[in-house]
C-alpha atoms as a PDB file:
ATOM      1  CA  MET A   1      80.616  51.282 170.346  1.00  0.00           C
ATOM      2  CA  LEU A   2      78.660  49.244 172.911  1.00  0.00           C
ATOM      3  CA  TYR A   3      75.543  51.285 172.017  1.00  0.00           C
ATOM      4  CA  LEU A   4      75.811  50.285 168.322  1.00  0.00           C
ATOM      5  CA  TYR A   5      76.300  46.645 169.293  1.00  0.00           C
ATOM      6  CA  LEU A   6      73.170  46.674 171.513  1.00  0.00           C
ATOM      7  CA  ALA A   7      71.189  48.577 168.887  1.00  0.00           C
ATOM      8  CA  ASP A   8      71.883  45.839 166.314  1.00  0.00           C
ATOM      9  CA  TRP A   9      70.758  43.115 168.700  1.00  0.00           C
ATOM     10  CA  SER A  10      67.616  45.027 169.640  1.00  0.00           C
ATOM     11  CA  SER A  11      66.790  45.410 165.928  1.00  0.00           C
ATOM     12  CA  PHE A  12      67.378  41.694 165.386  1.00  0.00           C
ATOM     13  CA  PHE A  13      65.065  40.700 168.262  1.00  0.00           C
ATOM     14  CA  ARG A  14      62.440  43.280 167.252  1.00  0.00           C
ATOM     15  CA  LEU A  15      62.402  41.799 163.733  1.00  0.00           C
ATOM     16  CA  CYS A  16      62.072  38.292 165.175  1.00  0.00           C
ATOM     17  CA  LYS A  17      58.998  39.391 167.143  1.00  0.00           C
ATOM     18  CA  MET A  18      57.234  41.479 164.508  1.00  0.00           C
ATOM     19  CA  ALA A  19      58.126  40.112 161.069  1.00  0.00           C
ATOM     20  CA  PRO A  20      56.096  37.472 159.210  1.00  0.00           C
ATOM     21  CA  LYS A  21      57.151  33.884 159.919  1.00  0.00           C
ATOM     22  CA  SER A  22      58.737  33.424 156.499  1.00  0.00           C
ATOM     23  CA  ASP A  23      60.952  36.483 157.017  1.00  0.00           C
ATOM     24  CA  ILE A  24      61.953  35.230 160.473  1.00  0.00           C
ATOM     25  CA  ILE A  25      62.928  31.849 159.002  1.00  0.00           C
ATOM     26  CA  VAL A  26      65.175  33.517 156.413  1.00  0.00           C
ATOM     27  CA  LEU A  27      66.695  35.887 158.984  1.00  0.00           C
ATOM     28  CA  VAL A  28      67.464  33.239 161.597  1.00  0.00           C
ATOM     29  CA  ALA A  29      68.688  30.668 159.050  1.00  0.00           C
ATOM     30  CA  THR A  30      71.011  33.226 157.455  1.00  0.00           C
ATOM     31  CA  PHE A  31      72.282  34.336 160.848  1.00  0.00           C
ATOM     32  CA  PHE A  32      73.136  30.816 162.025  1.00  0.00           C
ATOM     33  CA  LEU A  33      74.657  29.845 158.677  1.00  0.00           C
ATOM     34  CA  THR A  34      76.885  32.922 158.898  1.00  0.00           C
ATOM     35  CA  VAL A  35      77.983  31.988 162.416  1.00  0.00           C
ATOM     36  CA  PHE A  36      78.590  28.279 161.799  1.00  0.00           C
ATOM     37  CA  PHE A  37      79.775  28.306 158.160  1.00  0.00           C
ATOM     38  CA  ASP A  38      80.502  31.526 156.308  1.00  0.00           C
ATOM     39  CA  LEU A  39      78.776  34.531 154.799  1.00  0.00           C
ATOM     40  CA  VAL A  40      78.821  33.217 151.205  1.00  0.00           C
ATOM     41  CA  VAL A  41      76.986  30.000 152.136  1.00  0.00           C
ATOM     42  CA  ALA A  42      74.534  31.971 154.295  1.00  0.00           C
ATOM     43  CA  ILE A  43      73.689  34.393 151.484  1.00  0.00           C
ATOM     44  CA  GLU A  44      73.263  31.634 148.893  1.00  0.00           C
ATOM     45  CA  ILE A  45      70.943  29.591 151.085  1.00  0.00           C
ATOM     46  CA  GLY A  46      69.146  32.712 152.328  1.00  0.00           C
ATOM     47  CA  VAL A  47      68.365  33.858 148.774  1.00  0.00           C
ATOM     48  CA  VAL A  48      67.083  30.406 147.755  1.00  0.00           C
ATOM     49  CA  LEU A  49      65.021  30.107 150.938  1.00  0.00           C
ATOM     50  CA  ALA A  50      63.572  33.610 150.464  1.00  0.00           C
ATOM     51  CA  ALA A  51      62.664  32.803 146.837  1.00  0.00           C
ATOM     52  CA  LEU A  52      60.908  29.567 147.813  1.00  0.00           C
ATOM     53  CA  LEU A  53      58.964  31.251 150.610  1.00  0.00           C
ATOM     54  CA  PHE A  54      58.030  34.115 148.270  1.00  0.00           C
ATOM     55  CA  MET A  55      56.681  31.640 145.694  1.00  0.00           C
ATOM     56  CA  LYS A  56      54.669  29.923 148.413  1.00  0.00           C
ATOM     57  CA  ARG A  57      53.219  33.255 149.523  1.00  0.00           C
ATOM     58  CA  MET A  58      52.319  34.211 145.931  1.00  0.00           C
ATOM     59  CA  ALA A  59      50.671  30.826 145.347  1.00  0.00           C
ATOM     60  CA  GLU A  60      48.526  31.393 148.431  1.00  0.00           C
ATOM     61  CA  THR A  61      47.337  34.771 147.107  1.00  0.00           C
ATOM     62  CA  ALA A  62      46.314  33.361 143.711  1.00  0.00           C
ATOM     63  CA  ASP A  63      42.632  32.528 143.624  1.00  0.00           C
ATOM     64  CA  ILE A  64      39.841  31.674 141.215  1.00  0.00           C
ATOM     65  CA  LYS A  65      36.301  32.615 142.183  1.00  0.00           C
ATOM     66  CA  ALA A  66      33.057  31.802 140.449  1.00  0.00           C
ATOM     67  CA  TRP A  67      30.539  34.600 140.111  1.00  0.00           C
ATOM     68  CA  LYS A  68      27.181  34.092 141.780  1.00  0.00           C
ATOM     69  CA  TYR A  69      23.874  34.251 139.981  1.00  0.00           C
ATOM     70  CA  THR A  70      21.219  36.735 141.104  1.00  0.00           C
ATOM     71  CA  ASP A  71      18.870  33.863 142.023  1.00  0.00           C
ATOM     72  CA  SER A  72      21.439  31.887 144.062  1.00  0.00           C
ATOM     73  CA  PRO A  73      20.100  30.888 147.487  1.00  0.00           C
ATOM     74  CA  ASP A  74      23.182  32.251 149.301  1.00  0.00           C
ATOM     75  CA  ILE A  75      22.795  35.799 147.903  1.00  0.00           C
ATOM     76  CA  THR A  76      21.749  38.545 150.295  1.00  0.00           C
ATOM     77  CA  PRO A  77      19.272  41.199 149.063  1.00  0.00           C
ATOM     78  CA  GLY A  78      22.007  43.880 149.009  1.00  0.00           C
ATOM     79  CA  GLU A  79      24.299  41.613 146.987  1.00  0.00           C
ATOM     80  CA  ALA A  80      21.639  40.766 144.411  1.00  0.00           C
ATOM     81  CA  GLU A  81      21.226  44.437 143.497  1.00  0.00           C
ATOM     82  CA  LYS A  82      24.940  44.714 142.628  1.00  0.00           C
ATOM     83  CA  LEU A  83      25.022  41.616 140.396  1.00  0.00           C
ATOM     84  CA  ARG A  84      24.339  41.516 136.685  1.00  0.00           C
ATOM     85  CA  ASP A  85      21.602  39.071 135.768  1.00  0.00           C
ATOM     86  CA  ILE A  86      23.150  36.559 133.367  1.00  0.00           C
ATOM     87  CA  PRO A  87      21.688  33.323 132.025  1.00  0.00           C
ATOM     88  CA  HIS A  88      22.649  30.050 133.718  1.00  0.00           C
ATOM     89  CA  SER A  89      24.151  28.887 130.435  1.00  0.00           C
ATOM     90  CA  ILE A  90      27.010  31.371 131.098  1.00  0.00           C
ATOM     91  CA  SER A  91      29.518  30.787 133.896  1.00  0.00           C
ATOM     92  CA  VAL A  92      31.855  33.583 134.967  1.00  0.00           C
ATOM     93  CA  PHE A  93      35.136  33.033 136.801  1.00  0.00           C
ATOM     94  CA  GLU A  94      37.555  35.676 138.051  1.00  0.00           C
ATOM     95  CA  ILE A  95      41.251  34.849 138.393  1.00  0.00           C
ATOM     96  CA  CYS A  96      43.208  36.914 140.919  1.00  0.00           C
ATOM     97  CA  GLY A  97      46.966  36.916 141.388  1.00  0.00           C
ATOM     98  CA  PRO A  98      49.915  35.726 139.336  1.00  0.00           C
ATOM     99  CA  MET A  99      49.441  32.412 137.552  1.00  0.00           C
ATOM    100  CA  PHE A 100      52.722  30.514 137.732  1.00  0.00           C
ATOM    101  CA  PHE A 101      53.743  26.918 138.372  1.00  0.00           C
ATOM    102  CA  ALA A 102      52.843  27.011 142.067  1.00  0.00           C
ATOM    103  CA  ALA A 103      49.268  28.167 141.325  1.00  0.00           C
ATOM    104  CA  ALA A 104      48.664  26.900 137.769  1.00  0.00           C
ATOM    105  CA  ASP A 105      46.640  23.865 138.840  1.00  0.00           C
ATOM    106  CA  GLN A 106      43.924  26.170 140.175  1.00  0.00           C
ATOM    107  CA  ILE A 107      42.971  26.916 136.565  1.00  0.00           C
ATOM    108  CA  LEU A 108      41.757  23.339 136.270  1.00  0.00           C
ATOM    109  CA  ASN A 109      39.238  24.081 139.057  1.00  0.00           C
ATOM    110  CA  ILE A 110      37.229  26.104 136.530  1.00  0.00           C
ATOM    111  CA  ASN A 111      34.278  23.822 135.977  1.00  0.00           C
ATOM    112  CA  SER A 112      30.992  23.794 134.153  1.00  0.00           C
ATOM    113  CA  ASN A 113      27.730  21.934 134.390  1.00  0.00           C
ATOM    114  CA  HIS A 114      25.630  20.251 131.709  1.00  0.00           C
ATOM    115  CA  HIS A 115      23.801  23.415 130.593  1.00  0.00           C
ATOM    116  CA  THR A 116      26.872  25.695 130.376  1.00  0.00           C
ATOM    117  CA  LYS A 117      27.458  27.004 126.849  1.00  0.00           C
ATOM    118  CA  VAL A 118      29.984  29.808 127.581  1.00  0.00           C
ATOM    119  CA  VAL A 119      32.623  30.244 130.273  1.00  0.00           C
ATOM    120  CA  VAL A 120      33.813  33.824 130.762  1.00  0.00           C
ATOM    121  CA  ILE A 121      37.206  34.160 132.441  1.00  0.00           C
ATOM    122  CA  ARG A 122      37.968  37.596 133.876  1.00  0.00           C
ATOM    123  CA  MET A 123      41.723  38.181 134.190  1.00  0.00           C
ATOM    124  CA  ARG A 124      42.022  41.833 135.218  1.00  0.00           C
ATOM    125  CA  SER A 125      43.912  40.880 138.399  1.00  0.00           C
ATOM    126  CA  VAL A 126      46.439  38.570 136.722  1.00  0.00           C
ATOM    127  CA  PRO A 127      49.704  40.516 136.315  1.00  0.00           C
ATOM    128  CA  ALA A 128      51.755  37.578 135.005  1.00  0.00           C
ATOM    129  CA  ILE A 129      51.428  34.064 133.656  1.00  0.00           C
ATOM    130  CA  ASP A 130      54.029  31.374 132.934  1.00  0.00           C
ATOM    131  CA  ALA A 131      54.352  28.237 130.794  1.00  0.00           C
ATOM    132  CA  SER A 132      52.834  25.889 133.370  1.00  0.00           C
ATOM    133  CA  ALA A 133      49.740  28.090 133.645  1.00  0.00           C
ATOM    134  CA  MET A 134      49.546  28.109 129.850  1.00  0.00           C
ATOM    135  CA  ARG A 135      49.606  24.299 129.878  1.00  0.00           C
ATOM    136  CA  SER A 136      46.659  24.385 132.317  1.00  0.00           C
ATOM    137  CA  LEU A 137      44.817  26.861 130.051  1.00  0.00           C
ATOM    138  CA  HIS A 138      45.377  24.514 127.086  1.00  0.00           C
ATOM    139  CA  GLU A 139      43.904  21.641 129.113  1.00  0.00           C
ATOM    140  CA  LEU A 140      40.929  23.842 130.010  1.00  0.00           C
ATOM    141  CA  ALA A 141      40.441  24.844 126.353  1.00  0.00           C
ATOM    142  CA  ASN A 142      40.597  21.214 125.207  1.00  0.00           C
ATOM    143  CA  ARG A 143      38.103  20.165 127.889  1.00  0.00           C
ATOM    144  CA  ALA A 144      35.788  23.032 126.869  1.00  0.00           C
ATOM    145  CA  LYS A 145      36.048  22.066 123.189  1.00  0.00           C
ATOM    146  CA  ARG A 146      35.079  18.452 123.992  1.00  0.00           C
ATOM    147  CA  LYS A 147      32.020  19.721 125.891  1.00  0.00           C
ATOM    148  CA  ASN A 148      31.159  22.241 123.134  1.00  0.00           C
ATOM    149  CA  ILE A 149      31.722  25.212 125.467  1.00  0.00           C
ATOM    150  CA  THR A 150      33.082  28.552 124.265  1.00  0.00           C
ATOM    151  CA  LEU A 151      35.781  30.218 126.364  1.00  0.00           C
ATOM    152  CA  VAL A 152      35.627  34.020 126.503  1.00  0.00           C
ATOM    153  CA  PHE A 153      38.386  36.070 128.133  1.00  0.00           C
ATOM    154  CA  SER A 154      37.985  39.510 129.647  1.00  0.00           C
ATOM    155  CA  HIS A 155      40.646  42.143 130.393  1.00  0.00           C
ATOM    156  CA  VAL A 156      43.778  40.090 129.813  1.00  0.00           C
ATOM    157  CA  ASN A 157      46.739  42.245 130.891  1.00  0.00           C
ATOM    158  CA  GLU A 158      49.779  42.943 128.720  1.00  0.00           C
ATOM    159  CA  GLN A 159      52.176  40.236 129.924  1.00  0.00           C
ATOM    160  CA  PRO A 160      49.625  37.392 129.921  1.00  0.00           C
ATOM    161  CA  MET A 161      48.421  38.497 126.467  1.00  0.00           C
ATOM    162  CA  ARG A 162      51.982  38.411 125.064  1.00  0.00           C
ATOM    163  CA  VAL A 163      52.508  34.921 126.497  1.00  0.00           C
ATOM    164  CA  MET A 164      49.170  33.730 125.061  1.00  0.00           C
ATOM    165  CA  GLU A 165      50.053  35.128 121.621  1.00  0.00           C
ATOM    166  CA  LYS A 166      53.522  33.577 121.642  1.00  0.00           C
ATOM    167  CA  ASP A 167      52.084  30.235 122.780  1.00  0.00           C
ATOM    168  CA  GLY A 168      49.439  30.173 120.030  1.00  0.00           C
ATOM    169  CA  PHE A 169      46.632  30.080 122.593  1.00  0.00           C
ATOM    170  CA  ILE A 170      44.799  33.045 121.057  1.00  0.00           C
ATOM    171  CA  GLY A 171      44.637  31.212 117.727  1.00  0.00           C
ATOM    172  CA  LEU A 172      43.349  28.082 119.499  1.00  0.00           C
ATOM    173  CA  VAL A 173      40.553  29.913 121.350  1.00  0.00           C
ATOM    174  CA  GLY A 174      39.884  32.557 118.674  1.00  0.00           C
ATOM    175  CA  LYS A 175      40.784  36.261 118.783  1.00  0.00           C
ATOM    176  CA  GLU A 176      37.070  37.146 118.771  1.00  0.00           C
ATOM    177  CA  ASN A 177      36.788  35.554 122.237  1.00  0.00           C
ATOM    178  CA  PHE A 178      39.084  38.145 123.861  1.00  0.00           C
ATOM    179  CA  HIS A 179      37.497  41.377 125.108  1.00  0.00           C
ATOM    180  CA  HIS A 180      38.845  44.495 126.804  1.00  0.00           C
ATOM    181  CA  ASN A 181      36.321  44.568 129.654  1.00  0.00           C
ATOM    182  CA  ILE A 182      33.783  42.396 131.412  1.00  0.00           C
ATOM    183  CA  VAL A 183      30.742  44.245 130.025  1.00  0.00           C
ATOM    184  CA  ASP A 184      31.811  43.562 126.418  1.00  0.00           C
ATOM    185  CA  ALA A 185      32.657  39.951 127.294  1.00  0.00           C
ATOM    186  CA  LEU A 186      29.249  39.367 128.924  1.00  0.00           C
ATOM    187  CA  ASP A 187      27.387  41.043 126.044  1.00  0.00           C
ATOM    188  CA  TYR A 188      29.290  38.793 123.604  1.00  0.00           C
ATOM    189  CA  ALA A 189      28.587  35.685 125.711  1.00  0.00           C
ATOM    190  CA  GLU A 190      24.871  36.507 125.891  1.00  0.00           C
ATOM    191  CA  ALA A 191      24.781  36.933 122.104  1.00  0.00           C
ATOM    192  CA  LEU A 192      26.397  33.486 121.726  1.00  0.00           C
ATOM    193  CA  VAL A 193      23.785  31.708 123.866  1.00  0.00           C
ATOM    194  CA  LYS A 194      20.738  33.349 122.189  1.00  0.00           C
END
């Protein structure tokens, strides 16, 4: 019996040394809440705390990156060979990670300059999107419309596409501006700027 008791404590301390900080916070908080209050309170607070820390971690993984042009000064010779040469009137952005309320404001970081005619948004790495991200996409679409810029979307996954359809966003942007892959989207964008 003493062996089992020591084994549990050694597991607890090993987890405290090796686990990510957010997991340690949940573990220690739940442990102390169990000791000082009761198990029901500890589980309730532990679940809420774990959910909040998970949302924070997911928001940190969400990212929006602008593609570089082949003539950019910060491109190395090896990089330039891998890039597709696109006109400067087309800007390409790639969204990575789930777009939900904690990360939705990043969508508004998609910017354009005075000679941009088309913005291509690649969404192959977006598994899910929520209402707050849709609100940000609507703001982006309205800003693009005021500047006379066409938004083109590439590889929108199933769940984001369903949300966009239900929200009426596809009708706002135009079904013709949604493409299955980046090559089709870039070919379409180049045809628009010619």
